Amino acid sequence: MINLEHGGDLDRAIAHYGGRKQDWIDLSTGINPTSYPVAEIAPNLLRDLPDQGLVNATKQAARKAYNTSLACIPLAGAQQAIQLFPSIVKKSTDNASIYSPSYNEHEIQLRKAGWQVKYCTSIEEMRNADCAVVVNPNNPDGKQFSPDVLLDLANDVGTLIIDESFCDLYPNLSILPHLNDKHHNIIILRSLGKFYGLAGIRLGFVFAHQEVINEFAKAAGNWAVSGPALAIGTTALTDTNWRQQMRENLTKDALRLDALTSPNYLHLVGGTDLFRLYHCDNAQNMQDRLAQHQIWSRIFSYAPNWIRLGLPPQHGWQRLEKLFKL
């Protein structure tokens, strides 16, 4: 059975434990709690359909920010790309491999499109697949794959999908600077929502050979991304100072969370600077303990000892520290 569990399901927590939304601290996602500061939206962006000039400006900003010359297309979040690629990737068989455990939407959408999915715990197991999916860094354990390893894997699969939704944290990990028009079988997904804390504007990107991008454009149709999202994304992606400072801040906050949880029977398994994965005796009990104090977390049915915590907003640290000192 496909696992339909997700973070960000705060409504479920409220329905079970009570309270108002504004009283809760949601640590169940890997979304930056310190969002990129968005300026007032110009009225014409709300009134007019997004024109090609705005789209091109966003694509140019994304290429520069991600250090690549590869063709790209903005979409309504990485999620839209995940929904589209299983029907775009060419098949000779129905054999798809996913590095696992990982973000479950890839499996959900592949199975909807008729693919047979194989779970793999190593890169070697993924070879010879028609379609191979790697999340880099991986969610939820933060496993990292070097560009050289992924380029080598691409030689032995039909199409390689690399989900780099958390790669803004680790630019040296991205395969994008290593790709050019000769790489016909590699598709890269990026998300603006995670690192920039702007999940609500629904903006992500696909990078690939131009022929593949054309297929995504046909499948997505006109005006897949709103004008305000394109404008905000362009500004955020060109703000190099904010990006560098935020990476430093997130690294400090991730270490602060580790220091806070380690004396409380939470042992670090992995993660990124936007979320941490911990091992504990009983993750359900730990989630319940946190929820009693209106702090929501992410647990996994396939790993009853794993609990994932995102970073709290600045006003939430004191509450979290008080709880763990109880």
C-alpha atoms as a PDB file:
ATOM      1  CA  MET A   1       0.000   0.000   0.000  1.00  0.00           C
ATOM      2  CA  ILE A   2       1.214   3.504  -0.816  1.00  0.00           C
ATOM      3  CA  ASN A   3       2.122   5.565   2.229  1.00  0.00           C
ATOM      4  CA  LEU A   4       0.037   8.757   2.175  1.00  0.00           C
ATOM      5  CA  GLU A   5       1.556  10.301   5.282  1.00  0.00           C
ATOM      6  CA  HIS A   6       2.852  13.865   5.137  1.00  0.00           C
ATOM      7  CA  GLY A   7       4.134  16.575   7.393  1.00  0.00           C
ATOM      8  CA  GLY A   8       2.285  19.855   7.496  1.00  0.00           C
ATOM      9  CA  ASP A   9      -0.954  18.186   8.599  1.00  0.00           C
ATOM     10  CA  LEU A  10      -1.537  20.587  11.469  1.00  0.00           C
ATOM     11  CA  ASP A  11      -5.311  20.407  11.055  1.00  0.00           C
ATOM     12  CA  ARG A  12      -5.168  16.764  12.131  1.00  0.00           C
ATOM     13  CA  ALA A  13      -3.198  17.698  15.239  1.00  0.00           C
ATOM     14  CA  ILE A  14      -5.705  20.399  16.168  1.00  0.00           C
ATOM     15  CA  ALA A  15      -8.648  18.053  15.610  1.00  0.00           C
ATOM     16  CA  HIS A  16      -7.113  15.516  17.995  1.00  0.00           C
ATOM     17  CA  TYR A  17      -5.420  17.674  20.630  1.00  0.00           C
ATOM     18  CA  GLY A  18      -7.393  20.920  20.399  1.00  0.00           C
ATOM     19  CA  GLY A  19      -6.215  24.503  20.479  1.00  0.00           C
ATOM     20  CA  ARG A  20      -6.123  27.261  17.910  1.00  0.00           C
ATOM     21  CA  LYS A  21      -3.819  27.231  14.908  1.00  0.00           C
ATOM     22  CA  GLN A  22      -1.976  30.321  16.092  1.00  0.00           C
ATOM     23  CA  ASP A  23      -1.145  28.563  19.374  1.00  0.00           C
ATOM     24  CA  TRP A  24       0.691  25.696  17.695  1.00  0.00           C
ATOM     25  CA  ILE A  25       4.325  25.429  16.610  1.00  0.00           C
ATOM     26  CA  ASP A  26       4.472  23.240  13.515  1.00  0.00           C
ATOM     27  CA  LEU A  27       7.770  21.330  13.354  1.00  0.00           C
ATOM     28  CA  SER A  28       6.364  18.627  11.061  1.00  0.00           C
ATOM     29  CA  THR A  29       7.731  20.173   7.855  1.00  0.00           C
ATOM     30  CA  GLY A  30      11.177  21.110   6.608  1.00  0.00           C
ATOM     31  CA  ILE A  31      10.089  24.638   5.688  1.00  0.00           C
ATOM     32  CA  ASN A  32      12.278  27.494   6.848  1.00  0.00           C
ATOM     33  CA  PRO A  33      10.407  29.284   9.667  1.00  0.00           C
ATOM     34  CA  THR A  34      12.208  32.522   8.751  1.00  0.00           C
ATOM     35  CA  SER A  35      10.697  33.349   5.382  1.00  0.00           C
ATOM     36  CA  TYR A  36      12.291  35.526   2.764  1.00  0.00           C
ATOM     37  CA  PRO A  37      10.911  39.070   3.324  1.00  0.00           C
ATOM     38  CA  VAL A  38       8.358  39.752   0.615  1.00  0.00           C
ATOM     39  CA  ALA A  39       7.710  43.323  -0.451  1.00  0.00           C
ATOM     40  CA  GLU A  40       4.250  44.654  -1.197  1.00  0.00           C
ATOM     41  CA  ILE A  41       2.846  43.039  -4.338  1.00  0.00           C
ATOM     42  CA  ALA A  42       2.283  45.423  -7.238  1.00  0.00           C
ATOM     43  CA  PRO A  43      -1.410  45.616  -8.243  1.00  0.00           C
ATOM     44  CA  ASN A  44      -0.644  44.756 -11.884  1.00  0.00           C
ATOM     45  CA  LEU A  45       0.812  41.406 -10.803  1.00  0.00           C
ATOM     46  CA  LEU A  46      -2.538  40.538  -9.243  1.00  0.00           C
ATOM     47  CA  ARG A  47      -4.561  41.905 -12.136  1.00  0.00           C
ATOM     48  CA  ASP A  48      -2.676  40.722 -15.234  1.00  0.00           C
ATOM     49  CA  LEU A  49      -1.830  37.301 -16.569  1.00  0.00           C
ATOM     50  CA  PRO A  50       1.923  36.643 -16.189  1.00  0.00           C
ATOM     51  CA  ASP A  51       3.699  37.564 -19.424  1.00  0.00           C
ATOM     52  CA  GLN A  52       6.677  35.846 -21.024  1.00  0.00           C
ATOM     53  CA  GLY A  53       9.059  38.563 -19.891  1.00  0.00           C
ATOM     54  CA  LEU A  54       8.254  37.802 -16.257  1.00  0.00           C
ATOM     55  CA  VAL A  55       8.663  34.070 -16.840  1.00  0.00           C
ATOM     56  CA  ASN A  56      12.008  34.601 -18.587  1.00  0.00           C
ATOM     57  CA  ALA A  57      13.270  36.809 -15.761  1.00  0.00           C
ATOM     58  CA  THR A  58      12.448  34.097 -13.229  1.00  0.00           C
ATOM     59  CA  LYS A  59      14.159  31.417 -15.319  1.00  0.00           C
ATOM     60  CA  GLN A  60      17.259  33.572 -15.683  1.00  0.00           C
ATOM     61  CA  ALA A  61      17.359  34.202 -11.932  1.00  0.00           C
ATOM     62  CA  ALA A  62      17.010  30.475 -11.233  1.00  0.00           C
ATOM     63  CA  ARG A  63      19.803  29.515 -13.632  1.00  0.00           C
ATOM     64  CA  LYS A  64      22.141  32.040 -12.063  1.00  0.00           C
ATOM     65  CA  ALA A  65      21.243  31.104  -8.485  1.00  0.00           C
ATOM     66  CA  TYR A  66      21.689  27.392  -9.194  1.00  0.00           C
ATOM     67  CA  ASN A  67      24.800  27.929 -11.347  1.00  0.00           C
ATOM     68  CA  THR A  68      23.604  26.179 -14.494  1.00  0.00           C
ATOM     69  CA  SER A  69      23.005  26.864 -18.181  1.00  0.00           C
ATOM     70  CA  LEU A  70      20.468  24.053 -18.484  1.00  0.00           C
ATOM     71  CA  ALA A  71      16.971  24.790 -19.795  1.00  0.00           C
ATOM     72  CA  CYS A  72      14.308  25.143 -17.129  1.00  0.00           C
ATOM     73  CA  ILE A  73      10.629  25.784 -16.520  1.00  0.00           C
ATOM     74  CA  PRO A  74       8.948  27.280 -13.440  1.00  0.00           C
ATOM     75  CA  LEU A  75       6.056  25.227 -12.086  1.00  0.00           C
ATOM     76  CA  ALA A  76       3.638  25.368  -9.155  1.00  0.00           C
ATOM     77  CA  GLY A  77       6.120  23.924  -6.694  1.00  0.00           C
ATOM     78  CA  ALA A  78       8.253  20.805  -6.971  1.00  0.00           C
ATOM     79  CA  GLN A  79       5.006  18.949  -6.286  1.00  0.00           C
ATOM     80  CA  GLN A  80       3.640  19.781  -9.745  1.00  0.00           C
ATOM     81  CA  ALA A  81       6.839  18.465 -11.312  1.00  0.00           C
ATOM     82  CA  ILE A  82       6.513  15.252  -9.284  1.00  0.00           C
ATOM     83  CA  GLN A  83       2.955  14.847 -10.552  1.00  0.00           C
ATOM     84  CA  LEU A  84       3.994  15.388 -14.179  1.00  0.00           C
ATOM     85  CA  PHE A  85       7.248  13.520 -14.673  1.00  0.00           C
ATOM     86  CA  PRO A  86       5.922   9.914 -14.434  1.00  0.00           C
ATOM     87  CA  SER A  87       3.851  10.497 -17.581  1.00  0.00           C
ATOM     88  CA  ILE A  88       6.659  12.336 -19.384  1.00  0.00           C
ATOM     89  CA  VAL A  89       9.478   9.864 -18.824  1.00  0.00           C
ATOM     90  CA  LYS A  90       9.735   7.419 -21.722  1.00  0.00           C
ATOM     91  CA  LYS A  91       9.188   3.735 -20.913  1.00  0.00           C
ATOM     92  CA  SER A  92      10.634   0.581 -22.371  1.00  0.00           C
ATOM     93  CA  THR A  93       9.479  -1.311 -19.275  1.00  0.00           C
ATOM     94  CA  ASP A  94       7.509  -0.259 -16.174  1.00  0.00           C
ATOM     95  CA  ASN A  95      10.563  -0.548 -13.937  1.00  0.00           C
ATOM     96  CA  ALA A  96      11.153   2.418 -11.605  1.00  0.00           C
ATOM     97  CA  SER A  97      13.565   2.511  -8.669  1.00  0.00           C
ATOM     98  CA  ILE A  98      13.459   4.909  -5.719  1.00  0.00           C
ATOM     99  CA  TYR A  99      16.193   5.395  -3.143  1.00  0.00           C
ATOM    100  CA  SER A 100      14.263   4.588   0.014  1.00  0.00           C
ATOM    101  CA  PRO A 101      12.971   5.539   2.488  1.00  0.00           C
ATOM    102  CA  SER A 102      12.293   8.945   1.016  1.00  0.00           C
ATOM    103  CA  TYR A 103       9.638  11.516   0.190  1.00  0.00           C
ATOM    104  CA  ASN A 104       6.616   9.363  -0.611  1.00  0.00           C
ATOM    105  CA  GLU A 105       5.007  11.542  -3.308  1.00  0.00           C
ATOM    106  CA  HIS A 106       7.422  10.163  -5.893  1.00  0.00           C
ATOM    107  CA  GLU A 107       6.127   6.661  -5.359  1.00  0.00           C
ATOM    108  CA  ILE A 108       2.500   7.806  -5.251  1.00  0.00           C
ATOM    109  CA  GLN A 109       2.701   9.577  -8.594  1.00  0.00           C
ATOM    110  CA  LEU A 110       4.754   6.839 -10.286  1.00  0.00           C
ATOM    111  CA  ARG A 111       2.226   4.180  -9.322  1.00  0.00           C
ATOM    112  CA  LYS A 112      -0.647   6.367 -10.518  1.00  0.00           C
ATOM    113  CA  ALA A 113       1.048   6.486 -13.930  1.00  0.00           C
ATOM    114  CA  GLY A 114       1.387   2.699 -14.065  1.00  0.00           C
ATOM    115  CA  TRP A 115       4.999   2.242 -12.997  1.00  0.00           C
ATOM    116  CA  GLN A 116       6.169  -0.689 -10.904  1.00  0.00           C
ATOM    117  CA  VAL A 117       8.247   0.712  -8.062  1.00  0.00           C
ATOM    118  CA  LYS A 118      11.260  -0.953  -6.481  1.00  0.00           C
ATOM    119  CA  TYR A 119      12.630   0.320  -3.158  1.00  0.00           C
ATOM    120  CA  CYS A 120      16.412   0.579  -3.103  1.00  0.00           C
ATOM    121  CA  THR A 121      18.762   1.213  -0.205  1.00  0.00           C
ATOM    122  CA  SER A 122      21.869   1.752  -2.341  1.00  0.00           C
ATOM    123  CA  ILE A 123      22.752   3.366  -5.643  1.00  0.00           C
ATOM    124  CA  GLU A 124      23.952   0.031  -7.018  1.00  0.00           C
ATOM    125  CA  GLU A 125      20.471  -1.460  -6.645  1.00  0.00           C
ATOM    126  CA  MET A 126      19.047   1.287  -8.868  1.00  0.00           C
ATOM    127  CA  ARG A 127      21.039   0.467 -11.974  1.00  0.00           C
ATOM    128  CA  ASN A 128      19.185  -0.735 -15.097  1.00  0.00           C
ATOM    129  CA  ALA A 129      15.920   0.915 -14.066  1.00  0.00           C
ATOM    130  CA  ASP A 130      13.903   2.713 -16.718  1.00  0.00           C
ATOM    131  CA  CYS A 131      13.383   5.503 -14.213  1.00  0.00           C
ATOM    132  CA  ALA A 132      15.456   6.095 -11.073  1.00  0.00           C
ATOM    133  CA  VAL A 133      14.532   8.661  -8.413  1.00  0.00           C
ATOM    134  CA  VAL A 134      16.986  10.085  -5.884  1.00  0.00           C
ATOM    135  CA  VAL A 135      16.207  12.856  -3.395  1.00  0.00           C
ATOM    136  CA  ASN A 136      19.441  14.715  -2.642  1.00  0.00           C
ATOM    137  CA  PRO A 137      19.833  15.435   0.208  1.00  0.00           C
ATOM    138  CA  ASN A 138      17.347  12.778   1.114  1.00  0.00           C
ATOM    139  CA  ASN A 139      14.231  13.335   3.170  1.00  0.00           C
ATOM    140  CA  PRO A 140      13.930  12.229   5.988  1.00  0.00           C
ATOM    141  CA  ASP A 141      17.454  10.978   6.784  1.00  0.00           C
ATOM    142  CA  GLY A 142      19.519  13.671   5.026  1.00  0.00           C
ATOM    143  CA  LYS A 143      21.611  11.151   3.079  1.00  0.00           C
ATOM    144  CA  GLN A 144      23.832  12.983   0.580  1.00  0.00           C
ATOM    145  CA  PHE A 145      24.992  11.841  -2.853  1.00  0.00           C
ATOM    146  CA  SER A 146      27.911  13.454  -4.648  1.00  0.00           C
ATOM    147  CA  PRO A 147      27.431  14.717  -8.222  1.00  0.00           C
ATOM    148  CA  ASP A 148      29.996  12.175  -9.453  1.00  0.00           C
ATOM    149  CA  VAL A 149      28.004   9.274  -8.018  1.00  0.00           C
ATOM    150  CA  LEU A 150      24.782  10.498  -9.632  1.00  0.00           C
ATOM    151  CA  LEU A 151      26.423  11.188 -12.998  1.00  0.00           C
ATOM    152  CA  ASP A 152      27.717   7.621 -12.958  1.00  0.00           C
ATOM    153  CA  LEU A 153      24.248   6.284 -12.108  1.00  0.00           C
ATOM    154  CA  ALA A 154      22.767   8.230 -15.036  1.00  0.00           C
ATOM    155  CA  ASN A 155      24.868   6.102 -17.389  1.00  0.00           C
ATOM    156  CA  ASP A 156      23.031   2.961 -16.261  1.00  0.00           C
ATOM    157  CA  VAL A 157      19.373   4.061 -16.133  1.00  0.00           C
ATOM    158  CA  GLY A 158      16.814   5.240 -18.659  1.00  0.00           C
ATOM    159  CA  THR A 159      15.989   8.516 -16.876  1.00  0.00           C
ATOM    160  CA  LEU A 160      17.403   9.826 -13.617  1.00  0.00           C
ATOM    161  CA  ILE A 161      15.167  12.112 -11.556  1.00  0.00           C
ATOM    162  CA  ILE A 162      17.031  14.075  -8.878  1.00  0.00           C
ATOM    163  CA  ASP A 163      14.886  15.963  -6.392  1.00  0.00           C
ATOM    164  CA  GLU A 164      17.059  18.774  -5.026  1.00  0.00           C
ATOM    165  CA  SER A 165      14.341  20.422  -2.954  1.00  0.00           C
ATOM    166  CA  PHE A 166      16.725  20.850   0.005  1.00  0.00           C
ATOM    167  CA  CYS A 167      19.872  21.512  -2.020  1.00  0.00           C
ATOM    168  CA  ASP A 168      19.829  25.285  -1.440  1.00  0.00           C
ATOM    169  CA  LEU A 169      21.464  24.427   1.873  1.00  0.00           C
ATOM    170  CA  TYR A 170      24.370  22.642   0.183  1.00  0.00           C
ATOM    171  CA  PRO A 171      25.190  24.193  -3.220  1.00  0.00           C
ATOM    172  CA  ASN A 172      28.257  21.964  -3.662  1.00  0.00           C
ATOM    173  CA  LEU A 173      25.935  18.953  -3.563  1.00  0.00           C
ATOM    174  CA  SER A 174      23.912  20.047  -6.593  1.00  0.00           C
ATOM    175  CA  ILE A 175      24.471  18.268  -9.863  1.00  0.00           C
ATOM    176  CA  LEU A 176      23.202  21.254 -11.864  1.00  0.00           C
ATOM    177  CA  PRO A 177      26.592  22.969 -12.365  1.00  0.00           C
ATOM    178  CA  HIS A 178      27.890  19.708 -13.868  1.00  0.00           C
ATOM    179  CA  LEU A 179      25.206  19.321 -16.534  1.00  0.00           C
ATOM    180  CA  ASN A 180      24.947  20.513 -20.123  1.00  0.00           C
ATOM    181  CA  ASP A 181      22.903  19.772 -23.259  1.00  0.00           C
ATOM    182  CA  LYS A 182      24.644  16.408 -23.644  1.00  0.00           C
ATOM    183  CA  HIS A 183      22.820  15.083 -20.581  1.00  0.00           C
ATOM    184  CA  HIS A 184      19.513  14.044 -22.153  1.00  0.00           C
ATOM    185  CA  ASN A 185      18.330  11.659 -19.444  1.00  0.00           C
ATOM    186  CA  ILE A 186      18.684  13.703 -16.238  1.00  0.00           C
ATOM    187  CA  ILE A 187      15.801  15.743 -14.782  1.00  0.00           C
ATOM    188  CA  ILE A 188      16.375  18.002 -11.773  1.00  0.00           C
ATOM    189  CA  LEU A 189      13.601  19.279  -9.501  1.00  0.00           C
ATOM    190  CA  ARG A 190      14.045  22.353  -7.313  1.00  0.00           C
ATOM    191  CA  SER A 191      11.750  23.982  -4.763  1.00  0.00           C
ATOM    192  CA  LEU A 192      11.624  27.607  -3.666  1.00  0.00           C
ATOM    193  CA  GLY A 193       9.328  26.811  -0.752  1.00  0.00           C
ATOM    194  CA  LYS A 194      11.701  24.998   1.595  1.00  0.00           C
ATOM    195  CA  PHE A 195      14.842  27.128   1.971  1.00  0.00           C
ATOM    196  CA  TYR A 196      13.128  30.457   1.329  1.00  0.00           C
ATOM    197  CA  GLY A 197      10.191  29.623   3.602  1.00  0.00           C
ATOM    198  CA  LEU A 198       7.737  30.463   0.838  1.00  0.00           C
ATOM    199  CA  ALA A 199       5.840  27.209   0.366  1.00  0.00           C
ATOM    200  CA  GLY A 200       2.571  29.114   0.068  1.00  0.00           C
ATOM    201  CA  ILE A 201       3.465  30.843  -3.201  1.00  0.00           C
ATOM    202  CA  ARG A 202       3.866  27.417  -4.908  1.00  0.00           C
ATOM    203  CA  LEU A 203       7.003  27.887  -6.998  1.00  0.00           C
ATOM    204  CA  GLY A 204       9.490  25.275  -8.106  1.00  0.00           C
ATOM    205  CA  PHE A 205      11.566  24.464 -11.175  1.00  0.00           C
ATOM    206  CA  VAL A 206      12.432  21.630 -13.519  1.00  0.00           C
ATOM    207  CA  PHE A 207      15.857  21.637 -15.184  1.00  0.00           C
ATOM    208  CA  ALA A 208      16.532  19.294 -18.090  1.00  0.00           C
ATOM    209  CA  HIS A 209      17.407  19.091 -21.782  1.00  0.00           C
ATOM    210  CA  GLN A 210      15.277  21.491 -23.828  1.00  0.00           C
ATOM    211  CA  GLU A 211      13.277  18.648 -25.436  1.00  0.00           C
ATOM    212  CA  VAL A 212      12.279  17.395 -21.992  1.00  0.00           C
ATOM    213  CA  ILE A 213      11.397  20.899 -20.823  1.00  0.00           C
ATOM    214  CA  ASN A 214       9.122  21.224 -23.853  1.00  0.00           C
ATOM    215  CA  GLU A 215       7.226  18.141 -22.685  1.00  0.00           C
ATOM    216  CA  PHE A 216       6.780  19.615 -19.219  1.00  0.00           C
ATOM    217  CA  ALA A 217       5.523  22.846 -20.781  1.00  0.00           C
ATOM    218  CA  LYS A 218       2.908  20.962 -22.798  1.00  0.00           C
ATOM    219  CA  ALA A 219       1.766  19.017 -19.756  1.00  0.00           C
ATOM    220  CA  ALA A 220       1.625  22.051 -17.441  1.00  0.00           C
ATOM    221  CA  GLY A 221      -0.269  24.280 -19.867  1.00  0.00           C
ATOM    222  CA  ASN A 222      -0.406  28.061 -19.823  1.00  0.00           C
ATOM    223  CA  TRP A 223       0.093  30.161 -16.670  1.00  0.00           C
ATOM    224  CA  ALA A 224       1.147  27.307 -14.390  1.00  0.00           C
ATOM    225  CA  VAL A 225       2.688  29.846 -11.990  1.00  0.00           C
ATOM    226  CA  SER A 226       1.099  33.108 -10.844  1.00  0.00           C
ATOM    227  CA  GLY A 227       2.584  36.505 -11.544  1.00  0.00           C
ATOM    228  CA  PRO A 228       3.158  37.306  -7.851  1.00  0.00           C
ATOM    229  CA  ALA A 229       4.976  33.981  -7.355  1.00  0.00           C
ATOM    230  CA  LEU A 230       7.241  34.645 -10.347  1.00  0.00           C
ATOM    231  CA  ALA A 231       8.065  38.163  -9.171  1.00  0.00           C
ATOM    232  CA  ILE A 232       8.736  37.098  -5.585  1.00  0.00           C
ATOM    233  CA  GLY A 233      10.830  34.170  -6.775  1.00  0.00           C
ATOM    234  CA  THR A 234      12.940  36.365  -9.027  1.00  0.00           C
ATOM    235  CA  THR A 235      13.699  38.773  -6.196  1.00  0.00           C
ATOM    236  CA  ALA A 236      14.493  36.011  -3.715  1.00  0.00           C
ATOM    237  CA  LEU A 237      16.756  34.092  -6.084  1.00  0.00           C
ATOM    238  CA  THR A 238      18.836  37.167  -6.881  1.00  0.00           C
ATOM    239  CA  ASP A 239      19.394  38.088  -3.227  1.00  0.00           C
ATOM    240  CA  THR A 240      22.780  36.465  -2.693  1.00  0.00           C
ATOM    241  CA  ASN A 241      23.452  38.167   0.647  1.00  0.00           C
ATOM    242  CA  TRP A 242      20.233  36.860   2.197  1.00  0.00           C
ATOM    243  CA  ARG A 243      20.961  33.384   0.866  1.00  0.00           C
ATOM    244  CA  GLN A 244      24.455  33.220   2.351  1.00  0.00           C
ATOM    245  CA  GLN A 245      23.410  34.641   5.722  1.00  0.00           C
ATOM    246  CA  MET A 246      20.443  32.278   5.940  1.00  0.00           C
ATOM    247  CA  ARG A 247      22.632  29.232   5.338  1.00  0.00           C
ATOM    248  CA  GLU A 248      24.812  30.275   8.263  1.00  0.00           C
ATOM    249  CA  ASN A 249      21.808  30.934  10.496  1.00  0.00           C
ATOM    250  CA  LEU A 250      20.171  27.606   9.715  1.00  0.00           C
ATOM    251  CA  THR A 251      23.354  25.677  10.450  1.00  0.00           C
ATOM    252  CA  LYS A 252      23.530  27.291  13.889  1.00  0.00           C
ATOM    253  CA  ASP A 253      19.855  26.609  14.585  1.00  0.00           C
ATOM    254  CA  ALA A 254      20.133  22.952  13.552  1.00  0.00           C
ATOM    255  CA  LEU A 255      23.018  22.465  15.981  1.00  0.00           C
ATOM    256  CA  ARG A 256      21.017  24.285  18.655  1.00  0.00           C
ATOM    257  CA  LEU A 257      18.155  21.838  18.176  1.00  0.00           C
ATOM    258  CA  ASP A 258      20.546  18.878  18.451  1.00  0.00           C
ATOM    259  CA  ALA A 259      21.966  20.237  21.703  1.00  0.00           C
ATOM    260  CA  LEU A 260      18.472  20.701  23.084  1.00  0.00           C
ATOM    261  CA  THR A 261      17.180  17.233  22.197  1.00  0.00           C
ATOM    262  CA  SER A 262      20.214  15.029  22.863  1.00  0.00           C
ATOM    263  CA  PRO A 263      19.802  14.989  26.671  1.00  0.00           C
ATOM    264  CA  ASN A 264      16.165  13.997  26.189  1.00  0.00           C
ATOM    265  CA  TYR A 265      16.581  10.532  24.684  1.00  0.00           C
ATOM    266  CA  LEU A 266      16.522  11.825  21.114  1.00  0.00           C
ATOM    267  CA  HIS A 267      19.538  10.517  19.214  1.00  0.00           C
ATOM    268  CA  LEU A 268      20.468  12.103  15.898  1.00  0.00           C
ATOM    269  CA  VAL A 269      20.011   9.832  12.878  1.00  0.00           C
ATOM    270  CA  GLY A 270      20.537  12.468  10.204  1.00  0.00           C
ATOM    271  CA  GLY A 271      18.734  15.257   8.440  1.00  0.00           C
ATOM    272  CA  THR A 272      19.574  18.654   6.992  1.00  0.00           C
ATOM    273  CA  ASP A 273      19.873  22.149   8.382  1.00  0.00           C
ATOM    274  CA  LEU A 274      16.104  22.529   7.913  1.00  0.00           C
ATOM    275  CA  PHE A 275      15.012  19.321   9.647  1.00  0.00           C
ATOM    276  CA  ARG A 276      16.531  16.739  11.958  1.00  0.00           C
ATOM    277  CA  LEU A 277      15.707  13.050  12.198  1.00  0.00           C
ATOM    278  CA  TYR A 278      16.015  11.484  15.656  1.00  0.00           C
ATOM    279  CA  HIS A 279      15.777   7.993  17.085  1.00  0.00           C
ATOM    280  CA  CYS A 280      13.843   7.486  20.316  1.00  0.00           C
ATOM    281  CA  ASP A 281      12.287   4.575  22.205  1.00  0.00           C
ATOM    282  CA  ASN A 282       8.756   5.296  20.993  1.00  0.00           C
ATOM    283  CA  ALA A 283       8.152   8.024  18.415  1.00  0.00           C
ATOM    284  CA  GLN A 284       4.375   7.979  18.896  1.00  0.00           C
ATOM    285  CA  ASN A 285       4.771   8.667  22.595  1.00  0.00           C
ATOM    286  CA  MET A 286       7.245  11.458  21.914  1.00  0.00           C
ATOM    287  CA  GLN A 287       4.936  13.038  19.342  1.00  0.00           C
ATOM    288  CA  ASP A 288       2.084  12.849  21.853  1.00  0.00           C
ATOM    289  CA  ARG A 289       4.213  14.463  24.566  1.00  0.00           C
ATOM    290  CA  LEU A 290       5.094  17.345  22.252  1.00  0.00           C
ATOM    291  CA  ALA A 291       1.516  17.696  21.041  1.00  0.00           C
ATOM    292  CA  GLN A 292       0.243  18.047  24.586  1.00  0.00           C
ATOM    293  CA  HIS A 293       2.224  21.296  24.555  1.00  0.00           C
ATOM    294  CA  GLN A 294       0.935  22.178  21.069  1.00  0.00           C
ATOM    295  CA  ILE A 295       4.151  21.378  19.230  1.00  0.00           C
ATOM    296  CA  TRP A 296       3.594  19.208  16.166  1.00  0.00           C
ATOM    297  CA  SER A 297       6.165  16.788  14.780  1.00  0.00           C
ATOM    298  CA  ARG A 298       6.494  14.148  12.063  1.00  0.00           C
ATOM    299  CA  ILE A 299       6.620  10.410  12.694  1.00  0.00           C
ATOM    300  CA  PHE A 300       6.784   7.480  10.288  1.00  0.00           C
ATOM    301  CA  SER A 301       4.676   4.330  10.269  1.00  0.00           C
ATOM    302  CA  TYR A 302       7.530   2.355   8.680  1.00  0.00           C
ATOM    303  CA  ALA A 303      10.000   3.413  11.406  1.00  0.00           C
ATOM    304  CA  PRO A 304       8.330   3.512  14.854  1.00  0.00           C
ATOM    305  CA  ASN A 305      11.490   4.876  16.494  1.00  0.00           C
ATOM    306  CA  TRP A 306      11.964   7.844  14.141  1.00  0.00           C
ATOM    307  CA  ILE A 307      10.733  11.359  14.781  1.00  0.00           C
ATOM    308  CA  ARG A 308      11.534  14.346  12.563  1.00  0.00           C
ATOM    309  CA  LEU A 309      11.633  17.900  13.863  1.00  0.00           C
ATOM    310  CA  GLY A 310      11.863  21.028  11.791  1.00  0.00           C
ATOM    311  CA  LEU A 311      13.297  24.240  13.160  1.00  0.00           C
ATOM    312  CA  PRO A 312      11.043  26.408  15.334  1.00  0.00           C
ATOM    313  CA  PRO A 313      10.459  30.101  14.638  1.00  0.00           C
ATOM    314  CA  GLN A 314      12.528  32.402  16.828  1.00  0.00           C
ATOM    315  CA  HIS A 315       9.626  32.917  19.242  1.00  0.00           C
ATOM    316  CA  GLY A 316       9.277  29.140  19.600  1.00  0.00           C
ATOM    317  CA  TRP A 317      12.706  28.313  20.989  1.00  0.00           C
ATOM    318  CA  GLN A 318      11.860  29.304  24.540  1.00  0.00           C
ATOM    319  CA  ARG A 319       8.784  27.084  24.557  1.00  0.00           C
ATOM    320  CA  LEU A 320      10.718  24.151  23.173  1.00  0.00           C
ATOM    321  CA  GLU A 321      13.527  24.625  25.674  1.00  0.00           C
ATOM    322  CA  LYS A 322      11.056  24.811  28.547  1.00  0.00           C
ATOM    323  CA  LEU A 323       9.376  21.601  27.423  1.00  0.00           C
ATOM    324  CA  PHE A 324      12.602  19.612  27.175  1.00  0.00           C
ATOM    325  CA  LYS A 325      13.618  20.754  30.636  1.00  0.00           C
ATOM    326  CA  LEU A 326      10.440  19.364  32.195  1.00  0.00           C
END
